């Protein structure tokens, strides 16, 4: 009996000893694990240097397929401002977009947001409506040789065997004025009186870019608003190129008729004039441009049809030559409905 009792006591002591040893091993394992994590974190901190004043949360954010993280997206937007702005116009709740463009409600947005029930929601497929064709077109004044903003001078007539120009208004779909060039014009463009003010053709948000080859500016207008509390934008873009002395900047909200700047100055045959273009386009990797006339507000179409027909008729009279093929137009000033830009 005493022997059995001794065995029982020994068994209990062995159990307590086992538990004690296990506890020590577990505590050492936990300690070792904590030390490993701390060493790992230290190594991470050595390689990942968070910029001063940056937001660590933004390092985990992205702008779709374009970039990831604050630093990479800042670099992307500096190098590809137009693509960045278009992405953010359509994804204005993106945290990186909010940081990069500091989306704040301007007075125009605040006014629109007051009456959200009455506001027309703008989606990707919302049709574009042009309210004007950016410059003033009137009957030819034979004393001033102006037709509104458009200049009538035979000094713009030119043919050197390589380049031929015989128009003061170039329509959409016309063959480029380089002889034997198969490319067609993808804009409306005009020769204008020097210093002509150019007006926004539609309501929307401005995106500005510098045109390197001509050393002037382009303004894109997208339907939609910069505030992330407002609807996203339409896929349709209004392009207005060759401007100087801009009075707008990236993110400005404009109304149709607002002045954007002045037509870019040009000199040809000792004749000074202004030059500007208007286009309507969609696309990303593939850009499709469209006849601007077909996007005019319906009540304006007969007015501008008469203006374009009168303008081209007056010019043919001025140069004593029939050059516009109105019978081939699919719409006033357009030989085609759309062109995929090469």
Protein backbone atom coordinates (compact mmCIF):
# COMPACT_ATOMS: atom_id res chain seq x y z
CA UNK A 1 0.00 0.00 0.00
CA UNK A 2 2.83 2.35 0.92
CA UNK A 3 4.61 1.41 -2.31
CA UNK A 4 1.57 2.30 -4.42
CA UNK A 5 1.22 5.59 -2.58
CA UNK A 6 4.88 6.39 -3.32
CA UNK A 7 4.38 5.69 -7.03
CA UNK A 8 1.33 8.02 -7.07
CA UNK A 9 3.31 10.88 -5.51
CA UNK A 10 6.14 10.35 -8.00
CA UNK A 11 3.68 10.44 -10.93
CA UNK A 12 2.19 13.73 -9.71
CA UNK A 13 5.65 15.26 -9.39
CA UNK A 14 6.54 14.16 -12.93
CA UNK A 15 3.37 15.76 -14.30
CA UNK A 16 4.13 19.09 -12.57
CA UNK A 17 7.69 18.97 -13.87
CA UNK A 18 6.47 18.39 -17.46
CA UNK A 19 4.05 21.31 -17.24
CA UNK A 20 6.73 23.63 -15.90
CA UNK A 21 9.20 22.70 -18.64
CA UNK A 22 6.50 23.16 -21.37
CA UNK A 23 5.63 26.60 -20.04
CA UNK A 24 9.24 27.68 -20.17
CA UNK A 25 9.61 26.42 -23.73
CA UNK A 26 6.40 28.22 -24.78
CA UNK A 27 7.51 31.47 -23.16
CA UNK A 28 10.86 31.22 -24.92
CA UNK A 29 9.07 30.52 -28.26
CA UNK A 30 6.79 33.55 -27.83
CA UNK A 31 9.77 35.68 -26.86
CA UNK A 32 11.72 34.45 -29.89
CA UNK A 33 8.70 35.14 -32.17
CA UNK A 34 8.27 38.66 -30.85
CA UNK A 35 11.98 39.30 -31.33
CA UNK A 36 11.75 37.96 -34.92
CA UNK A 37 8.80 40.26 -35.69
CA UNK A 38 10.63 43.25 -34.24
CA UNK A 39 13.74 42.44 -36.30
CA UNK A 40 11.58 41.98 -39.41
CA UNK A 41 9.84 45.33 -38.84
CA UNK A 42 13.21 46.97 -38.34
CA UNK A 43 14.36 45.60 -41.70
CA UNK A 44 11.19 46.84 -43.41
CA UNK A 45 11.65 50.31 -41.96
CA UNK A 46 15.20 50.36 -43.29
CA UNK A 47 13.96 49.88 -46.88
CA UNK A 48 10.64 51.73 -46.89
CA UNK A 49 11.20 55.40 -46.22
CA UNK A 50 7.86 57.21 -45.88
CA UNK A 51 8.21 60.71 -47.21
CA UNK A 52 7.76 63.51 -44.73
CA UNK A 53 4.14 64.75 -44.62
CA UNK A 54 2.99 61.77 -46.73
CA UNK A 55 0.01 59.64 -45.75
CA UNK A 56 0.94 55.97 -45.14
CA UNK A 57 -2.65 54.97 -46.01
CA UNK A 58 -2.22 56.30 -49.55
CA UNK A 59 0.71 53.96 -50.18
CA UNK A 60 -1.81 51.11 -50.42
CA UNK A 61 -4.09 52.94 -52.85
CA UNK A 62 -4.00 52.88 -56.66
CA UNK A 63 -5.35 54.67 -59.73
CA UNK A 64 -6.58 51.67 -61.65
CA UNK A 65 -4.07 50.25 -64.11
CA UNK A 66 -2.03 53.47 -64.19
CA UNK A 67 -0.14 53.47 -60.88
CA UNK A 68 -0.04 52.31 -57.26
CA UNK A 69 0.86 54.31 -54.19
CA UNK A 70 1.26 58.01 -53.58
CA UNK A 71 4.79 58.45 -54.95
CA UNK A 72 4.22 56.47 -58.17
CA UNK A 73 0.88 58.20 -58.87
CA UNK A 74 2.35 61.67 -58.32
CA UNK A 75 5.04 60.78 -60.87
CA UNK A 76 2.42 59.40 -63.29
CA UNK A 77 0.25 62.51 -63.04
CA UNK A 78 3.21 64.83 -63.54
CA UNK A 79 4.16 62.98 -66.73
CA UNK A 80 0.68 62.19 -68.07
CA UNK A 81 -1.48 64.98 -66.73
CA UNK A 82 -4.33 64.59 -69.23
CA UNK A 83 -4.80 60.85 -68.60
CA UNK A 84 -4.52 61.45 -64.86
CA UNK A 85 -7.12 64.23 -64.92
CA UNK A 86 -9.53 62.19 -67.06
CA UNK A 87 -9.19 59.21 -64.69
CA UNK A 88 -9.83 61.39 -61.66
CA UNK A 89 -12.77 63.18 -63.27
CA UNK A 90 -14.41 59.77 -63.60
CA UNK A 91 -13.18 58.43 -60.23
CA UNK A 92 -13.38 61.50 -58.04
CA UNK A 93 -13.93 59.45 -54.84
CA UNK A 94 -10.50 57.86 -55.29
CA UNK A 95 -8.38 58.89 -52.29
CA UNK A 96 -5.29 59.56 -54.42
CA UNK A 97 -7.34 61.76 -56.76
CA UNK A 98 -8.64 63.75 -53.81
CA UNK A 99 -5.07 64.27 -52.62
CA UNK A 100 -3.59 65.06 -56.05
CA UNK A 101 -6.26 67.49 -57.23
CA UNK A 102 -7.60 68.69 -53.87
CA UNK A 103 -11.21 68.28 -54.97
CA UNK A 104 -13.13 71.09 -53.36
CA UNK A 105 -16.57 72.33 -54.16
CA UNK A 106 -16.33 75.53 -56.10
CA UNK A 107 -19.19 78.01 -56.06
CA UNK A 108 -20.53 76.44 -59.26
CA UNK A 109 -20.57 72.96 -57.78
CA UNK A 110 -22.09 74.15 -54.53
CA UNK A 111 -24.87 75.86 -56.46
CA UNK A 112 -25.57 72.71 -58.46
CA UNK A 113 -25.54 70.54 -55.36
CA UNK A 114 -28.17 72.69 -53.67
CA UNK A 115 -30.79 71.33 -56.06
CA UNK A 116 -29.78 67.71 -56.56
CA UNK A 117 -33.36 66.67 -57.39
CA UNK A 118 -33.47 69.11 -60.31
CA UNK A 119 -29.94 68.39 -61.46
CA UNK A 120 -29.49 66.27 -64.58
CA UNK A 121 -27.24 63.37 -63.60
CA UNK A 122 -24.23 63.08 -65.92
CA UNK A 123 -23.14 59.54 -66.76
CA UNK A 124 -20.60 58.14 -69.21
CA UNK A 125 -23.24 58.05 -71.96
CA UNK A 126 -24.78 61.47 -71.33
CA UNK A 127 -24.95 63.13 -74.79
CA UNK A 128 -22.72 66.12 -75.40
CA UNK A 129 -24.40 69.41 -76.27
CA UNK A 130 -22.46 72.24 -77.91
CA UNK A 131 -23.87 75.72 -77.35
CA UNK A 132 -21.68 77.51 -79.93
CA UNK A 133 -18.82 76.97 -82.39
CA UNK A 134 -16.27 78.96 -80.32
CA UNK A 135 -15.86 81.99 -82.62
CA UNK A 136 -18.21 84.59 -84.05
CA UNK A 137 -19.28 83.95 -87.65
CA UNK A 138 -21.14 86.74 -89.47
CA UNK A 139 -21.73 87.98 -93.01
CA UNK A 140 -18.67 89.22 -94.83
CA UNK A 141 -18.07 92.94 -94.25
CA UNK A 142 -16.54 94.16 -97.52
CA UNK A 143 -15.06 97.24 -95.88
CA UNK A 144 -13.22 95.50 -93.04
CA UNK A 145 -12.79 92.14 -94.80
CA UNK A 146 -14.00 90.42 -91.67
CA UNK A 147 -16.83 87.93 -91.28
CA UNK A 148 -17.31 88.31 -87.56
CA UNK A 149 -14.00 87.06 -86.11
CA UNK A 150 -12.90 85.45 -89.37
CA UNK A 151 -10.36 87.25 -91.52
CA UNK A 152 -10.71 87.54 -95.30
CA UNK A 153 -7.30 87.98 -96.92
CA UNK A 154 -5.77 86.45 -100.02
CA UNK A 155 -2.42 86.28 -98.22
CA UNK A 156 -3.47 82.96 -96.70
CA UNK A 157 -3.75 81.46 -100.19
CA UNK A 158 -0.66 79.35 -100.75
CA UNK A 159 0.61 76.57 -103.00
CA UNK A 160 4.31 75.70 -103.18
CA UNK A 161 3.85 72.22 -104.62
CA UNK A 162 3.94 70.66 -101.16
CA UNK A 163 1.38 72.63 -99.17
CA UNK A 164 -1.80 74.08 -100.62
CA UNK A 165 -4.20 76.27 -98.71
CA UNK A 166 -7.18 78.01 -100.22
CA UNK A 167 -9.61 78.11 -97.26
CA UNK A 168 -10.13 80.37 -94.25
CA UNK A 169 -12.41 77.70 -92.69
CA UNK A 170 -11.33 74.09 -92.77
CA UNK A 171 -14.13 71.57 -92.37
CA UNK A 172 -14.18 68.20 -90.65
CA UNK A 173 -13.05 65.40 -92.97
CA UNK A 174 -11.34 67.67 -95.50
CA UNK A 175 -8.06 66.33 -96.85
CA UNK A 176 -5.10 67.93 -95.09
CA UNK A 177 -3.53 70.83 -96.96
CA UNK A 178 -0.32 68.89 -97.60
CA UNK A 179 -0.59 67.80 -101.24
CA UNK A 180 -1.21 64.06 -101.73
CA UNK A 181 -1.59 63.57 -97.98
CA UNK A 182 -4.30 60.92 -97.36
CA UNK A 183 -5.00 62.22 -93.84
CA UNK A 184 -8.18 64.15 -93.21
CA UNK A 185 -8.85 67.03 -90.87
CA UNK A 186 -10.34 65.88 -87.57
CA UNK A 187 -11.38 69.36 -86.41
CA UNK A 188 -13.03 72.55 -87.51
CA UNK A 189 -10.39 75.27 -87.77
CA UNK A 190 -10.37 78.94 -88.71
CA UNK A 191 -8.11 81.84 -89.72
CA UNK A 192 -9.11 84.69 -87.43
CA UNK A 193 -8.51 88.32 -86.67
CA UNK A 194 -5.43 88.68 -84.38
CA UNK A 195 -6.33 88.54 -80.68
CA UNK A 196 -9.73 86.88 -81.23
CA UNK A 197 -11.27 85.71 -77.96
CA UNK A 198 -12.14 82.01 -78.03
CA UNK A 199 -15.20 80.81 -76.12
CA UNK A 200 -16.00 77.53 -74.42
CA UNK A 201 -18.27 75.48 -76.69
CA UNK A 202 -19.89 73.54 -73.83
CA UNK A 203 -20.34 73.39 -70.06
CA UNK A 204 -17.85 71.29 -68.12
CA UNK A 205 -14.55 70.87 -66.33
CA UNK A 206 -11.33 72.20 -67.86
CA UNK A 207 -8.13 70.23 -68.42
CA UNK A 208 -5.19 72.20 -69.84
CA UNK A 209 -2.20 70.85 -71.79
CA UNK A 210 0.75 72.45 -73.56
CA UNK A 211 1.13 71.70 -77.29
CA UNK A 212 4.86 71.34 -77.80
CA UNK A 213 5.07 71.54 -81.61
CA UNK A 214 3.09 74.78 -81.86
CA UNK A 215 4.10 76.27 -78.48
CA UNK A 216 0.56 77.10 -77.47
CA UNK A 217 -2.20 75.55 -75.36
CA UNK A 218 -5.05 73.09 -75.66
CA UNK A 219 -8.12 73.01 -73.44
CA UNK A 220 -10.27 69.92 -73.05
CA UNK A 221 -13.74 70.31 -71.58
CA UNK A 222 -15.40 67.28 -70.00
CA UNK A 223 -19.00 67.18 -68.88
CA UNK A 224 -19.13 66.56 -65.14
CA UNK A 225 -17.89 68.22 -61.99
CA UNK A 226 -14.71 67.94 -59.96
CA UNK A 227 -16.48 67.53 -56.62
CA UNK A 228 -16.58 63.92 -55.44
CA UNK A 229 -20.08 64.68 -54.15
CA UNK A 230 -21.26 65.30 -57.71
CA UNK A 231 -21.85 62.87 -60.62
CA UNK A 232 -19.04 61.44 -62.72
CA UNK A 233 -18.35 62.69 -66.22
CA UNK A 234 -19.45 61.82 -69.72
CA UNK A 235 -17.12 60.02 -72.16
CA UNK A 236 -17.47 62.91 -74.63
CA UNK A 237 -14.68 65.51 -74.65
CA UNK A 238 -14.62 68.93 -76.32
CA UNK A 239 -11.13 69.78 -77.57
CA UNK A 240 -10.19 73.42 -78.19
CA UNK A 241 -6.62 73.79 -79.37
CA UNK A 242 -4.14 76.53 -80.24
CA UNK A 243 -4.87 79.09 -77.55
CA UNK A 244 -2.72 81.68 -75.77
CA UNK A 245 -3.28 84.05 -72.85
CA UNK A 246 -5.45 81.48 -71.08
CA UNK A 247 -7.84 82.71 -68.41
CA UNK A 248 -8.69 79.17 -67.20
CA UNK A 249 -6.71 76.46 -65.41
CA UNK A 250 -6.99 72.76 -64.63
CA UNK A 251 -10.16 71.95 -62.74
CA UNK A 252 -12.02 75.19 -63.54
CA UNK A 253 -15.73 74.81 -64.21
CA UNK A 254 -16.84 76.73 -67.29
CA UNK A 255 -20.15 77.51 -68.92
CA UNK A 256 -20.60 77.57 -72.68
CA UNK A 257 -19.68 81.04 -73.91
CA UNK A 258 -17.06 81.71 -71.22
CA UNK A 259 -13.78 83.04 -72.61
CA UNK A 260 -10.95 80.48 -72.46
CA UNK A 261 -8.20 82.63 -73.98
CA UNK A 262 -7.14 84.02 -77.36
CA UNK A 263 -6.56 82.34 -80.70
CA UNK A 264 -2.87 81.50 -81.15
CA UNK A 265 -1.01 84.08 -83.28
CA UNK A 266 0.43 83.13 -86.65
CA UNK A 267 2.18 85.08 -89.41
CA UNK A 268 2.01 84.10 -93.05
CA UNK A 269 3.06 86.16 -96.09
CA UNK A 270 3.53 89.11 -93.72
CA UNK A 271 -0.11 88.72 -92.64
CA UNK A 272 -0.80 88.37 -88.93
CA UNK A 273 -3.82 86.34 -87.94
CA UNK A 274 -5.18 84.09 -85.20
CA UNK A 275 -5.72 80.35 -85.46
CA UNK A 276 -7.78 77.91 -83.42
CA UNK A 277 -9.43 74.48 -83.67
CA UNK A 278 -12.53 72.74 -82.31
CA UNK A 279 -13.00 68.98 -82.00
CA UNK A 280 -15.29 66.47 -80.32
CA UNK A 281 -13.74 63.16 -79.33
CA UNK A 282 -13.90 60.00 -77.26
CA UNK A 283 -11.37 57.34 -76.45
CA UNK A 284 -8.26 56.28 -74.61
CA UNK A 285 -5.84 54.16 -76.63
CA UNK A 286 -8.02 54.67 -79.73
CA UNK A 287 -9.31 58.19 -80.26
CA UNK A 288 -12.37 58.78 -82.41
CA UNK A 289 -13.22 62.32 -83.50
CA UNK A 290 -16.64 63.46 -84.62
CA UNK A 291 -18.28 66.15 -86.75
CA UNK A 292 -18.80 69.05 -84.30
CA UNK A 293 -21.94 70.32 -86.01
CA UNK A 294 -23.85 67.15 -85.09
CA UNK A 295 -23.43 67.94 -81.37
CA UNK A 296 -24.96 71.41 -81.50
CA UNK A 297 -28.08 72.00 -79.46
CA UNK A 298 -31.00 71.29 -81.80
CA UNK A 299 -32.40 74.87 -81.84
CA UNK A 300 -28.94 76.14 -82.84
CA UNK A 301 -28.44 73.84 -85.81
CA UNK A 302 -30.44 75.87 -88.37
CA UNK A 303 -28.71 79.06 -87.17
CA UNK A 304 -25.21 77.64 -87.59
CA UNK A 305 -26.14 75.90 -90.84
CA UNK A 306 -26.99 79.30 -92.29
CA UNK A 307 -23.78 80.81 -90.84
CA UNK A 308 -21.50 78.10 -92.29
CA UNK A 309 -23.23 78.14 -95.69
CA UNK A 310 -23.05 81.94 -95.84
CA UNK A 311 -19.41 81.98 -94.72
CA UNK A 312 -18.26 79.50 -97.36
CA UNK A 313 -20.33 81.22 -100.06
CA UNK A 314 -18.81 84.60 -99.15
CA UNK A 315 -15.29 83.18 -99.23
CA UNK A 316 -15.76 81.61 -102.65
CA UNK A 317 -16.97 84.96 -103.88
CA UNK A 318 -13.97 86.69 -102.30
CA UNK A 319 -11.37 84.43 -103.95
CA UNK A 320 -13.48 83.93 -107.09
CA UNK A 321 -13.23 80.18 -106.94
CA UNK A 322 -15.52 77.27 -106.04
CA UNK A 323 -13.62 75.26 -103.39
CA UNK A 324 -16.17 73.97 -100.89
CA UNK A 325 -18.01 70.80 -101.93
CA UNK A 326 -21.22 71.45 -100.01
CA UNK A 327 -23.01 68.77 -102.02
CA UNK A 328 -20.77 66.16 -100.36
CA UNK A 329 -21.30 67.37 -96.79
CA UNK A 330 -23.04 64.96 -94.41
CA UNK A 331 -23.63 67.96 -92.15
CA UNK A 332 -22.64 71.64 -92.57
CA UNK A 333 -18.84 71.78 -92.70
CA UNK A 334 -18.43 68.00 -92.42
CA UNK A 335 -17.54 65.49 -95.12
CA UNK A 336 -17.73 62.56 -92.67
CA UNK A 337 -19.54 61.73 -89.44
CA UNK A 338 -16.45 60.49 -87.59
CA UNK A 339 -12.77 59.61 -88.08
CA UNK A 340 -10.51 57.26 -86.10
CA UNK A 341 -7.42 59.35 -85.47
CA UNK A 342 -4.14 57.75 -86.58
